[in-house]
Amino acid sequence: MQTSNGDGVGSNKNSVNPTNDARHASNVGDPLTESQAEFWYLVECQGCNELAHSLKMIHDLALYHSDIPFDAEEKSALYDLKVLWEGFEQMGAKA
């Protein structure tokens, strides 16, 4: 489906990470690489709820407590932070 400006519904040409669509995620059946395993170890050591809280705080500080104007790239980065903290919150709720 296309929007009125011709972009597809899922398109995000201003995204900092052009592969932010979940359909591009790794196959769940693939084994973790060493760096991925180290990352998940750090996440588990730090705690999902703590990481979610920290990411939300950084997001809110940047968005609500600064006078810096945001363009599309910065707005996309703030949205990426929101996606991460919500993901960590969900992971923490399941633990």
PDB file of N, CA and C in Angstrom:
ATOM      1  N   MET A   1       0.838  -1.171   0.000  1.00  0.00           N
ATOM      2  CA  MET A   1       0.000   0.000   0.000  1.00  0.00           C
ATOM      3  C   MET A   1       0.883   1.234   0.000  1.00  0.00           C
ATOM      4  N   GLN A   2       0.518   2.224  -0.769  1.00  0.00           N
ATOM      5  CA  GLN A   2       1.302   3.445  -0.833  1.00  0.00           C
ATOM      6  C   GLN A   2       0.539   4.588  -0.182  1.00  0.00           C
ATOM      7  N   THR A   3       1.295   5.486   0.424  1.00  0.00           N
ATOM      8  CA  THR A   3       0.699   6.681   0.998  1.00  0.00           C
ATOM      9  C   THR A   3       0.540   7.726  -0.088  1.00  0.00           C
ATOM     10  N   SER A   4      -0.037   8.864   0.271  1.00  0.00           N
ATOM     11  CA  SER A   4      -0.292   9.905  -0.721  1.00  0.00           C
ATOM     12  C   SER A   4       0.986  10.464  -1.340  1.00  0.00           C
ATOM     13  N   ASN A   5       2.121  10.354  -0.643  1.00  0.00           N
ATOM     14  CA  ASN A   5       3.364  10.863  -1.218  1.00  0.00           C
ATOM     15  C   ASN A   5       4.110   9.796  -2.022  1.00  0.00           C
ATOM     16  N   GLY A   6       3.496   8.611  -2.169  1.00  0.00           N
ATOM     17  CA  GLY A   6       4.087   7.569  -2.997  1.00  0.00           C
ATOM     18  C   GLY A   6       4.942   6.576  -2.247  1.00  0.00           C
ATOM     19  N   ASP A   7       5.268   6.857  -0.985  1.00  0.00           N
ATOM     20  CA  ASP A   7       6.062   5.914  -0.208  1.00  0.00           C
ATOM     21  C   ASP A   7       5.181   4.773   0.265  1.00  0.00           C
ATOM     22  N   GLY A   8       5.775   3.612   0.412  1.00  0.00           N
ATOM     23  CA  GLY A   8       5.049   2.482   0.962  1.00  0.00           C
ATOM     24  C   GLY A   8       4.805   2.692   2.445  1.00  0.00           C
ATOM     25  N   VAL A   9       3.826   2.015   2.992  1.00  0.00           N
ATOM     26  CA  VAL A   9       3.472   2.172   4.394  1.00  0.00           C
ATOM     27  C   VAL A   9       4.651   1.872   5.295  1.00  0.00           C
ATOM     28  N   GLY A  10       5.447   0.860   4.983  1.00  0.00           N
ATOM     29  CA  GLY A  10       6.555   0.479   5.842  1.00  0.00           C
ATOM     30  C   GLY A  10       7.859   1.195   5.539  1.00  0.00           C
ATOM     31  N   SER A  11       7.863   2.109   4.588  1.00  0.00           N
ATOM     32  CA  SER A  11       9.124   2.750   4.226  1.00  0.00           C
ATOM     33  C   SER A  11       9.507   3.808   5.246  1.00  0.00           C
ATOM     34  N   ASN A  12      10.798   3.919   5.468  1.00  0.00           N
ATOM     35  CA  ASN A  12      11.320   4.924   6.390  1.00  0.00           C
ATOM     36  C   ASN A  12      12.662   5.364   5.847  1.00  0.00           C
ATOM     37  N   LYS A  13      12.630   6.200   4.817  1.00  0.00           N
ATOM     38  CA  LYS A  13      13.861   6.589   4.146  1.00  0.00           C
ATOM     39  C   LYS A  13      14.745   7.467   5.016  1.00  0.00           C
ATOM     40  N   ASN A  14      14.196   8.045   6.089  1.00  0.00           N
ATOM     41  CA  ASN A  14      14.978   8.897   6.969  1.00  0.00           C
ATOM     42  C   ASN A  14      15.547   8.154   8.154  1.00  0.00           C
ATOM     43  N   SER A  15      15.366   6.870   8.202  1.00  0.00           N
ATOM     44  CA  SER A  15      15.839   6.108   9.347  1.00  0.00           C
ATOM     45  C   SER A  15      17.355   6.109   9.408  1.00  0.00           C
ATOM     46  N   VAL A  16      17.872   6.183  10.629  1.00  0.00           N
ATOM     47  CA  VAL A  16      19.315   6.080  10.836  1.00  0.00           C
ATOM     48  C   VAL A  16      19.771   4.685  10.429  1.00  0.00           C
ATOM     49  N   ASN A  17      18.941   3.704  10.712  1.00  0.00           N
ATOM     50  CA  ASN A  17      19.238   2.314  10.393  1.00  0.00           C
ATOM     51  C   ASN A  17      18.276   1.857   9.300  1.00  0.00           C
ATOM     52  N   PRO A  18      18.717   1.783   8.047  1.00  0.00           N
ATOM     53  CA  PRO A  18      17.799   1.455   6.960  1.00  0.00           C
ATOM     54  C   PRO A  18      17.212   0.053   7.049  1.00  0.00           C
ATOM     55  N   THR A  19      17.753  -0.807   7.888  1.00  0.00           N
ATOM     56  CA  THR A  19      17.205  -2.156   8.016  1.00  0.00           C
ATOM     57  C   THR A  19      16.434  -2.292   9.318  1.00  0.00           C
ATOM     58  N   ASN A  20      15.688  -1.226   9.706  1.00  0.00           N
ATOM     59  CA  ASN A  20      14.970  -1.263  10.966  1.00  0.00           C
ATOM     60  C   ASN A  20      13.675  -2.053  10.889  1.00  0.00           C
ATOM     61  N   ASP A  21      13.295  -2.528   9.735  1.00  0.00           N
ATOM     62  CA  ASP A  21      12.101  -3.335   9.577  1.00  0.00           C
ATOM     63  C   ASP A  21      12.358  -4.710  10.178  1.00  0.00           C
ATOM     64  N   ALA A  22      11.474  -5.180  11.030  1.00  0.00           N
ATOM     65  CA  ALA A  22      11.666  -6.449  11.736  1.00  0.00           C
ATOM     66  C   ALA A  22      11.770  -7.630  10.776  1.00  0.00           C
ATOM     67  N   ARG A  23      11.278  -7.478   9.563  1.00  0.00           N
ATOM     68  CA  ARG A  23      11.371  -8.579   8.607  1.00  0.00           C
ATOM     69  C   ARG A  23      12.806  -8.858   8.194  1.00  0.00           C
ATOM     70  N   HIS A  24      13.723  -7.918   8.501  1.00  0.00           N
ATOM     71  CA  HIS A  24      15.121  -8.111   8.160  1.00  0.00           C
ATOM     72  C   HIS A  24      15.910  -8.731   9.309  1.00  0.00           C
ATOM     73  N   ALA A  25      15.224  -9.083  10.396  1.00  0.00           N
ATOM     74  CA  ALA A  25      15.904  -9.646  11.563  1.00  0.00           C
ATOM     75  C   ALA A  25      16.489 -11.007  11.206  1.00  0.00           C
ATOM     76  N   SER A  26      17.497 -11.387  11.954  1.00  0.00           N
ATOM     77  CA  SER A  26      18.142 -12.680  11.725  1.00  0.00           C
ATOM     78  C   SER A  26      17.152 -13.807  11.938  1.00  0.00           C
ATOM     79  N   ASN A  27      17.395 -14.907  11.260  1.00  0.00           N
ATOM     80  CA  ASN A  27      16.597 -16.102  11.443  1.00  0.00           C
ATOM     81  C   ASN A  27      16.776 -16.583  12.877  1.00  0.00           C
ATOM     82  N   VAL A  28      15.680 -16.815  13.572  1.00  0.00           N
ATOM     83  CA  VAL A  28      15.735 -17.218  14.974  1.00  0.00           C
ATOM     84  C   VAL A  28      16.497 -18.526  15.137  1.00  0.00           C
ATOM     85  N   GLY A  29      16.486 -19.377  14.133  1.00  0.00           N
ATOM     86  CA  GLY A  29      17.154 -20.665  14.231  1.00  0.00           C
ATOM     87  C   GLY A  29      18.665 -20.589  14.079  1.00  0.00           C
ATOM     88  N   ASP A  30      19.212 -19.463  13.617  1.00  0.00           N
ATOM     89  CA  ASP A  30      20.654 -19.337  13.436  1.00  0.00           C
ATOM     90  C   ASP A  30      21.338 -19.238  14.795  1.00  0.00           C
ATOM     91  N   PRO A  31      22.485 -19.910  14.961  1.00  0.00           N
ATOM     92  CA  PRO A  31      23.218 -19.782  16.223  1.00  0.00           C
ATOM     93  C   PRO A  31      23.792 -18.374  16.348  1.00  0.00           C
ATOM     94  N   LEU A  32      23.969 -17.925  17.600  1.00  0.00           N
ATOM     95  CA  LEU A  32      24.520 -16.593  17.838  1.00  0.00           C
ATOM     96  C   LEU A  32      26.005 -16.563  17.519  1.00  0.00           C
ATOM     97  N   THR A  33      26.438 -15.441  16.989  1.00  0.00           N
ATOM     98  CA  THR A  33      27.866 -15.239  16.803  1.00  0.00           C
ATOM     99  C   THR A  33      28.471 -14.937  18.174  1.00  0.00           C
ATOM    100  N   GLU A  34      29.782 -14.934  18.255  1.00  0.00           N
ATOM    101  CA  GLU A  34      30.433 -14.646  19.532  1.00  0.00           C
ATOM    102  C   GLU A  34      30.086 -13.243  20.030  1.00  0.00           C
ATOM    103  N   SER A  35      30.099 -12.261  19.130  1.00  0.00           N
ATOM    104  CA  SER A  35      29.789 -10.892  19.547  1.00  0.00           C
ATOM    105  C   SER A  35      28.325 -10.761  19.981  1.00  0.00           C
ATOM    106  N   GLN A  36      27.413 -11.472  19.318  1.00  0.00           N
ATOM    107  CA  GLN A  36      26.007 -11.445  19.723  1.00  0.00           C
ATOM    108  C   GLN A  36      25.837 -12.083  21.101  1.00  0.00           C
ATOM    109  N   ALA A  37      26.509 -13.191  21.340  1.00  0.00           N
ATOM    110  CA  ALA A  37      26.432 -13.852  22.639  1.00  0.00           C
ATOM    111  C   ALA A  37      26.995 -12.957  23.736  1.00  0.00           C
ATOM    112  N   GLU A  38      28.101 -12.257  23.456  1.00  0.00           N
ATOM    113  CA  GLU A  38      28.669 -11.330  24.438  1.00  0.00           C
ATOM    114  C   GLU A  38      27.699 -10.188  24.735  1.00  0.00           C
ATOM    115  N   PHE A  39      27.041  -9.687  23.695  1.00  0.00           N
ATOM    116  CA  PHE A  39      26.067  -8.618  23.884  1.00  0.00           C
ATOM    117  C   PHE A  39      24.926  -9.089  24.781  1.00  0.00           C
ATOM    118  N   TRP A  40      24.363 -10.262  24.495  1.00  0.00           N
ATOM    119  CA  TRP A  40      23.248 -10.768  25.303  1.00  0.00           C
ATOM    120  C   TRP A  40      23.692 -11.053  26.730  1.00  0.00           C
ATOM    121  N   TYR A  41      24.937 -11.476  26.923  1.00  0.00           N
ATOM    122  CA  TYR A  41      25.465 -11.667  28.268  1.00  0.00           C
ATOM    123  C   TYR A  41      25.479 -10.333  29.021  1.00  0.00           C
ATOM    124  N   LEU A  42      25.927  -9.276  28.354  1.00  0.00           N
ATOM    125  CA  LEU A  42      25.937  -7.951  28.981  1.00  0.00           C
ATOM    126  C   LEU A  42      24.521  -7.470  29.302  1.00  0.00           C
ATOM    127  N   VAL A  43      23.574  -7.728  28.399  1.00  0.00           N
ATOM    128  CA  VAL A  43      22.180  -7.353  28.640  1.00  0.00           C
ATOM    129  C   VAL A  43      21.658  -8.085  29.871  1.00  0.00           C
ATOM    130  N   GLU A  44      21.941  -9.374  29.971  1.00  0.00           N
ATOM    131  CA  GLU A  44      21.480 -10.150  31.115  1.00  0.00           C
ATOM    132  C   GLU A  44      22.133  -9.677  32.409  1.00  0.00           C
ATOM    133  N   CYS A  45      23.408  -9.322  32.352  1.00  0.00           N
ATOM    134  CA  CYS A  45      24.102  -8.836  33.556  1.00  0.00           C
ATOM    135  C   CYS A  45      23.543  -7.488  33.997  1.00  0.00           C
ATOM    136  N   GLN A  46      23.294  -6.616  33.072  1.00  0.00           N
ATOM    137  CA  GLN A  46      22.792  -5.276  33.397  1.00  0.00           C
ATOM    138  C   GLN A  46      21.342  -5.341  33.836  1.00  0.00           C
ATOM    139  N   GLY A  47      20.550  -6.160  33.169  1.00  0.00           N
ATOM    140  CA  GLY A  47      19.124  -6.277  33.466  1.00  0.00           C
ATOM    141  C   GLY A  47      18.285  -5.522  32.456  1.00  0.00           C
ATOM    142  N   CYS A  48      17.280  -6.193  31.927  1.00  0.00           N
ATOM    143  CA  CYS A  48      16.429  -5.590  30.893  1.00  0.00           C
ATOM    144  C   CYS A  48      15.677  -4.374  31.409  1.00  0.00           C
ATOM    145  N   ASN A  49      15.145  -4.464  32.623  1.00  0.00           N
ATOM    146  CA  ASN A  49      14.376  -3.335  33.157  1.00  0.00           C
ATOM    147  C   ASN A  49      15.269  -2.117  33.389  1.00  0.00           C
ATOM    148  N   GLU A  50      16.483  -2.340  33.845  1.00  0.00           N
ATOM    149  CA  GLU A  50      17.415  -1.240  34.066  1.00  0.00           C
ATOM    150  C   GLU A  50      17.805  -0.577  32.748  1.00  0.00           C
ATOM    151  N   LEU A  51      18.068  -1.391  31.724  1.00  0.00           N
ATOM    152  CA  LEU A  51      18.407  -0.849  30.413  1.00  0.00           C
ATOM    153  C   LEU A  51      17.224  -0.074  29.821  1.00  0.00           C
ATOM    154  N   ALA A  52      16.017  -0.611  29.980  1.00  0.00           N
ATOM    155  CA  ALA A  52      14.825   0.079  29.479  1.00  0.00           C
ATOM    156  C   ALA A  52      14.684   1.438  30.149  1.00  0.00           C
ATOM    157  N   HIS A  53      14.871   1.475  31.459  1.00  0.00           N
ATOM    158  CA  HIS A  53      14.765   2.732  32.200  1.00  0.00           C
ATOM    159  C   HIS A  53      15.812   3.749  31.708  1.00  0.00           C
ATOM    160  N   SER A  54      17.048   3.299  31.518  1.00  0.00           N
ATOM    161  CA  SER A  54      18.119   4.195  31.068  1.00  0.00           C
ATOM    162  C   SER A  54      17.844   4.742  29.667  1.00  0.00           C
ATOM    163  N   LEU A  55      17.410   3.886  28.750  1.00  0.00           N
ATOM    164  CA  LEU A  55      17.120   4.333  27.386  1.00  0.00           C
ATOM    165  C   LEU A  55      15.960   5.322  27.370  1.00  0.00           C
ATOM    166  N   LYS A  56      14.931   5.057  28.169  1.00  0.00           N
ATOM    167  CA  LYS A  56      13.787   5.969  28.233  1.00  0.00           C
ATOM    168  C   LYS A  56      14.234   7.316  28.802  1.00  0.00           C
ATOM    169  N   MET A  57      15.098   7.294  29.808  1.00  0.00           N
ATOM    170  CA  MET A  57      15.575   8.538  30.402  1.00  0.00           C
ATOM    171  C   MET A  57      16.369   9.361  29.381  1.00  0.00           C
ATOM    172  N   ILE A  58      17.238   8.712  28.620  1.00  0.00           N
ATOM    173  CA  ILE A  58      18.021   9.418  27.594  1.00  0.00           C
ATOM    174  C   ILE A  58      17.088  10.006  26.540  1.00  0.00           C
ATOM    175  N   HIS A  59      16.107   9.219  26.103  1.00  0.00           N
ATOM    176  CA  HIS A  59      15.124   9.689  25.127  1.00  0.00           C
ATOM    177  C   HIS A  59      14.411  10.934  25.638  1.00  0.00           C
ATOM    178  N   ASP A  60      13.902  10.857  26.879  1.00  0.00           N
ATOM    179  CA  ASP A  60      13.140  11.961  27.430  1.00  0.00           C
ATOM    180  C   ASP A  60      14.009  13.192  27.665  1.00  0.00           C
ATOM    181  N   LEU A  61      15.253  12.994  28.104  1.00  0.00           N
ATOM    182  CA  LEU A  61      16.159  14.130  28.282  1.00  0.00           C
ATOM    183  C   LEU A  61      16.400  14.848  26.958  1.00  0.00           C
ATOM    184  N   ALA A  62      16.653  14.075  25.916  1.00  0.00           N
ATOM    185  CA  ALA A  62      16.917  14.673  24.603  1.00  0.00           C
ATOM    186  C   ALA A  62      15.685  15.374  24.055  1.00  0.00           C
ATOM    187  N   LEU A  63      14.539  14.741  24.219  1.00  0.00           N
ATOM    188  CA  LEU A  63      13.320  15.272  23.608  1.00  0.00           C
ATOM    189  C   LEU A  63      12.697  16.413  24.399  1.00  0.00           C
ATOM    190  N   TYR A  64      12.651  16.276  25.720  1.00  0.00           N
ATOM    191  CA  TYR A  64      11.893  17.230  26.528  1.00  0.00           C
ATOM    192  C   TYR A  64      12.740  18.228  27.307  1.00  0.00           C
ATOM    193  N   HIS A  65      14.028  17.992  27.438  1.00  0.00           N
ATOM    194  CA  HIS A  65      14.857  18.849  28.273  1.00  0.00           C
ATOM    195  C   HIS A  65      16.037  19.450  27.519  1.00  0.00           C
ATOM    196  N   SER A  66      15.901  19.618  26.222  1.00  0.00           N
ATOM    197  CA  SER A  66      16.957  20.267  25.451  1.00  0.00           C
ATOM    198  C   SER A  66      16.332  21.255  24.475  1.00  0.00           C
ATOM    199  N   ASP A  67      17.136  22.208  24.078  1.00  0.00           N
ATOM    200  CA  ASP A  67      16.689  23.212  23.121  1.00  0.00           C
ATOM    201  C   ASP A  67      17.196  22.917  21.717  1.00  0.00           C
ATOM    202  N   ILE A  68      17.698  21.730  21.517  1.00  0.00           N
ATOM    203  CA  ILE A  68      18.259  21.352  20.228  1.00  0.00           C
ATOM    204  C   ILE A  68      17.119  21.020  19.257  1.00  0.00           C
ATOM    205  N   PRO A  69      17.100  21.650  18.087  1.00  0.00           N
ATOM    206  CA  PRO A  69      16.071  21.296  17.107  1.00  0.00           C
ATOM    207  C   PRO A  69      16.381  19.930  16.479  1.00  0.00           C
ATOM    208  N   PHE A  70      15.347  19.169  16.215  1.00  0.00           N
ATOM    209  CA  PHE A  70      15.507  17.831  15.659  1.00  0.00           C
ATOM    210  C   PHE A  70      15.062  17.803  14.207  1.00  0.00           C
ATOM    211  N   ASP A  71      15.884  17.180  13.355  1.00  0.00           N
ATOM    212  CA  ASP A  71      15.452  16.949  11.988  1.00  0.00           C
ATOM    213  C   ASP A  71      14.997  15.494  11.894  1.00  0.00           C
ATOM    214  N   ALA A  72      14.706  15.034  10.712  1.00  0.00           N
ATOM    215  CA  ALA A  72      14.163  13.690  10.522  1.00  0.00           C
ATOM    216  C   ALA A  72      15.114  12.606  11.026  1.00  0.00           C
ATOM    217  N   GLU A  73      16.414  12.796  10.835  1.00  0.00           N
ATOM    218  CA  GLU A  73      17.379  11.787  11.268  1.00  0.00           C
ATOM    219  C   GLU A  73      17.391  11.655  12.796  1.00  0.00           C
ATOM    220  N   GLU A  74      17.365  12.772  13.505  1.00  0.00           N
ATOM    221  CA  GLU A  74      17.345  12.727  14.962  1.00  0.00           C
ATOM    222  C   GLU A  74      16.027  12.157  15.476  1.00  0.00           C
ATOM    223  N   LYS A  75      14.922  12.508  14.834  1.00  0.00           N
ATOM    224  CA  LYS A  75      13.629  11.953  15.238  1.00  0.00           C
ATOM    225  C   LYS A  75      13.616  10.436  15.045  1.00  0.00           C
ATOM    226  N   SER A  76      14.217   9.978  13.965  1.00  0.00           N
ATOM    227  CA  SER A  76      14.294   8.544  13.720  1.00  0.00           C
ATOM    228  C   SER A  76      15.147   7.853  14.783  1.00  0.00           C
ATOM    229  N   ALA A  77      16.249   8.494  15.184  1.00  0.00           N
ATOM    230  CA  ALA A  77      17.110   7.929  16.219  1.00  0.00           C
ATOM    231  C   ALA A  77      16.367   7.858  17.554  1.00  0.00           C
ATOM    232  N   LEU A  78      15.589   8.889  17.884  1.00  0.00           N
ATOM    233  CA  LEU A  78      14.797   8.853  19.114  1.00  0.00           C
ATOM    234  C   LEU A  78      13.755   7.742  19.063  1.00  0.00           C
ATOM    235  N   TYR A  79      13.163   7.539  17.899  1.00  0.00           N
ATOM    236  CA  TYR A  79      12.209   6.440  17.753  1.00  0.00           C
ATOM    237  C   TYR A  79      12.912   5.093  17.943  1.00  0.00           C
ATOM    238  N   ASP A  80      14.135   4.964  17.409  1.00  0.00           N
ATOM    239  CA  ASP A  80      14.897   3.725  17.593  1.00  0.00           C
ATOM    240  C   ASP A  80      15.144   3.460  19.079  1.00  0.00           C
ATOM    241  N   LEU A  81      15.436   4.520  19.855  1.00  0.00           N
ATOM    242  CA  LEU A  81      15.597   4.355  21.304  1.00  0.00           C
ATOM    243  C   LEU A  81      14.307   3.844  21.935  1.00  0.00           C
ATOM    244  N   LYS A  82      13.182   4.386  21.485  1.00  0.00           N
ATOM    245  CA  LYS A  82      11.879   3.964  22.011  1.00  0.00           C
ATOM    246  C   LYS A  82      11.636   2.484  21.710  1.00  0.00           C
ATOM    247  N   VAL A  83      11.958   2.062  20.512  1.00  0.00           N
ATOM    248  CA  VAL A  83      11.795   0.657  20.140  1.00  0.00           C
ATOM    249  C   VAL A  83      12.657  -0.227  21.040  1.00  0.00           C
ATOM    250  N   LEU A  84      13.895   0.194  21.290  1.00  0.00           N
ATOM    251  CA  LEU A  84      14.783  -0.585  22.154  1.00  0.00           C
ATOM    252  C   LEU A  84      14.260  -0.665  23.580  1.00  0.00           C
ATOM    253  N   TRP A  85      13.857   0.471  24.165  1.00  0.00           N
ATOM    254  CA  TRP A  85      13.426   0.407  25.555  1.00  0.00           C
ATOM    255  C   TRP A  85      12.145  -0.403  25.698  1.00  0.00           C
ATOM    256  N   GLU A  86      11.235  -0.312  24.725  1.00  0.00           N
ATOM    257  CA  GLU A  86      10.020  -1.119  24.793  1.00  0.00           C
ATOM    258  C   GLU A  86      10.342  -2.605  24.655  1.00  0.00           C
ATOM    259  N   GLY A  87      11.311  -2.932  23.811  1.00  0.00           N
ATOM    260  CA  GLY A  87      11.742  -4.323  23.681  1.00  0.00           C
ATOM    261  C   GLY A  87      12.344  -4.851  24.969  1.00  0.00           C
ATOM    262  N   PHE A  88      13.201  -4.040  25.610  1.00  0.00           N
ATOM    263  CA  PHE A  88      13.782  -4.450  26.881  1.00  0.00           C
ATOM    264  C   PHE A  88      12.708  -4.587  27.959  1.00  0.00           C
ATOM    265  N   GLU A  89      11.707  -3.692  27.959  1.00  0.00           N
ATOM    266  CA  GLU A  89      10.616  -3.812  28.923  1.00  0.00           C
ATOM    267  C   GLU A  89       9.866  -5.127  28.745  1.00  0.00           C
ATOM    268  N   GLN A  90       9.598  -5.494  27.492  1.00  0.00           N
ATOM    269  CA  GLN A  90       8.914  -6.749  27.223  1.00  0.00           C
ATOM    270  C   GLN A  90       9.749  -7.945  27.656  1.00  0.00           C
ATOM    271  N   MET A  91      11.048  -7.880  27.393  1.00  0.00           N
ATOM    272  CA  MET A  91      11.946  -8.968  27.813  1.00  0.00           C
ATOM    273  C   MET A  91      11.980  -9.070  29.341  1.00  0.00           C
ATOM    274  N   GLY A  92      12.015  -7.923  30.029  1.00  0.00           N
ATOM    275  CA  GLY A  92      12.044  -7.921  31.479  1.00  0.00           C
ATOM    276  C   GLY A  92      10.757  -8.457  32.073  1.00  0.00           C
ATOM    277  N   ALA A  93       9.640  -8.198  31.412  1.00  0.00           N
ATOM    278  CA  ALA A  93       8.344  -8.690  31.906  1.00  0.00           C
ATOM    279  C   ALA A  93       8.232 -10.206  31.778  1.00  0.00           C
ATOM    280  N   LYS A  94       8.909 -10.776  30.796  1.00  0.00           N
ATOM    281  CA  LYS A  94       8.853 -12.225  30.570  1.00  0.00           C
ATOM    282  C   LYS A  94       9.817 -12.990  31.463  1.00  0.00           C
ATOM    283  N   ALA A  95      10.774 -12.271  32.048  1.00  0.00           N
ATOM    284  CA  ALA A  95      11.808 -12.940  32.859  1.00  0.00           C
ATOM    285  C   ALA A  95      11.276 -13.327  34.221  1.00  0.00           C
TER     286      ALA A  95
END
